């Protein structure tokens, strides 16, 4: 079982958000820092994976509507692929 903790306070820009996600979740080098690449990588996670996304309110302050797109990607893929997503404001 893998557990990853993503902290929204570290995501002060789109570029930094993707860097944090890639590094924390140990995504491959080909990860392309966009929503499509995020969906591709999340879609390959085993069901035994847990992702804890903390400080989502700060992420929303930093990135506005784009933060919602990132969070929606995590939400949608967790439902579709079966990994666990825990969000904490």
Protein backbone atom coordinates (compact mmCIF):
# COMPACT_ATOMS: atom_id res chain seq x y z
CA UNK A 1 0.00 0.00 0.00
CA UNK A 2 1.32 3.45 -0.97
CA UNK A 3 0.36 6.64 0.84
CA UNK A 4 1.15 10.03 -0.65
CA UNK A 5 0.63 13.37 1.10
CA UNK A 6 0.23 16.41 -1.14
CA UNK A 7 0.30 19.84 0.49
CA UNK A 8 -1.57 22.65 -1.24
CA UNK A 9 0.48 25.30 0.56
CA UNK A 10 3.52 24.19 -1.46
CA UNK A 11 1.67 24.71 -4.74
CA UNK A 12 2.08 28.45 -5.32
CA UNK A 13 1.83 28.28 -9.13
CA UNK A 14 0.73 25.77 -11.78
CA UNK A 15 4.34 24.84 -12.47
CA UNK A 16 5.09 24.34 -8.78
CA UNK A 17 1.89 22.34 -8.29
CA UNK A 18 2.91 19.87 -10.98
CA UNK A 19 6.48 19.72 -9.66
CA UNK A 20 5.20 18.87 -6.16
CA UNK A 21 2.77 16.28 -7.51
CA UNK A 22 5.42 14.66 -9.75
CA UNK A 23 8.04 14.54 -7.02
CA UNK A 24 5.76 13.43 -4.19
CA UNK A 25 3.97 10.78 -6.19
CA UNK A 26 7.13 9.58 -7.92
CA UNK A 27 5.67 10.02 -11.39
CA UNK A 28 7.88 9.07 -14.36
CA UNK A 29 10.15 11.49 -16.21
CA UNK A 30 7.67 11.71 -19.10
CA UNK A 31 5.07 13.34 -16.82
CA UNK A 32 4.06 16.43 -18.78
CA UNK A 33 2.88 18.96 -16.18
CA UNK A 34 -0.68 19.23 -17.48
CA UNK A 35 -4.09 17.79 -16.66
CA UNK A 36 -3.94 15.09 -19.35
CA UNK A 37 -0.60 13.78 -18.05
CA UNK A 38 -1.94 13.93 -14.48
CA UNK A 39 -4.97 11.87 -15.49
CA UNK A 40 -2.76 9.35 -17.30
CA UNK A 41 -0.52 8.86 -14.26
CA UNK A 42 -3.39 8.75 -11.76
CA UNK A 43 -5.14 6.20 -13.96
CA UNK A 44 -2.21 3.82 -13.52
CA UNK A 45 -2.23 3.88 -9.70
CA UNK A 46 -3.07 0.65 -7.90
CA UNK A 47 -6.32 0.53 -5.93
CA UNK A 48 -4.28 0.14 -2.74
CA UNK A 49 -2.99 3.71 -3.12
CA UNK A 50 -4.08 6.45 -0.72
CA UNK A 51 -3.61 10.13 -1.47
CA UNK A 52 -4.04 12.68 1.30
CA UNK A 53 -4.40 16.19 -0.12
CA UNK A 54 -4.00 18.77 2.68
CA UNK A 55 -4.40 22.53 2.66
CA UNK A 56 -6.72 22.47 -0.34
CA UNK A 57 -8.12 25.86 0.71
CA UNK A 58 -4.64 27.38 0.30
CA UNK A 59 -4.29 25.67 -3.08
CA UNK A 60 -7.58 27.28 -4.13
CA UNK A 61 -6.33 30.68 -2.96
CA UNK A 62 -3.09 30.25 -4.91
CA UNK A 63 -4.43 28.85 -8.19
CA UNK A 64 -8.13 29.78 -8.23
CA UNK A 65 -10.16 27.93 -10.85
CA UNK A 66 -7.16 25.90 -11.97
CA UNK A 67 -6.91 24.40 -8.49
CA UNK A 68 -10.46 23.09 -8.92
CA UNK A 69 -9.42 21.44 -12.18
CA UNK A 70 -6.51 19.70 -10.46
CA UNK A 71 -8.68 18.58 -7.54
CA UNK A 72 -11.45 17.43 -9.89
CA UNK A 73 -8.90 15.32 -11.76
CA UNK A 74 -7.92 13.60 -8.51
CA UNK A 75 -11.60 13.18 -7.52
CA UNK A 76 -12.71 11.80 -10.87
CA UNK A 77 -9.83 9.35 -11.21
CA UNK A 78 -10.19 8.13 -7.62
CA UNK A 79 -13.80 7.22 -8.37
CA UNK A 80 -12.94 5.69 -11.73
CA UNK A 81 -9.82 3.79 -10.69
CA UNK A 82 -10.53 3.02 -7.06
CA UNK A 83 -7.63 4.61 -5.20
CA UNK A 84 -8.47 6.47 -2.01
CA UNK A 85 -8.47 10.28 -1.94
CA UNK A 86 -8.72 12.17 1.34
CA UNK A 87 -9.05 15.96 1.18
CA UNK A 88 -8.37 18.29 4.10
CA UNK A 89 -8.91 22.01 3.86
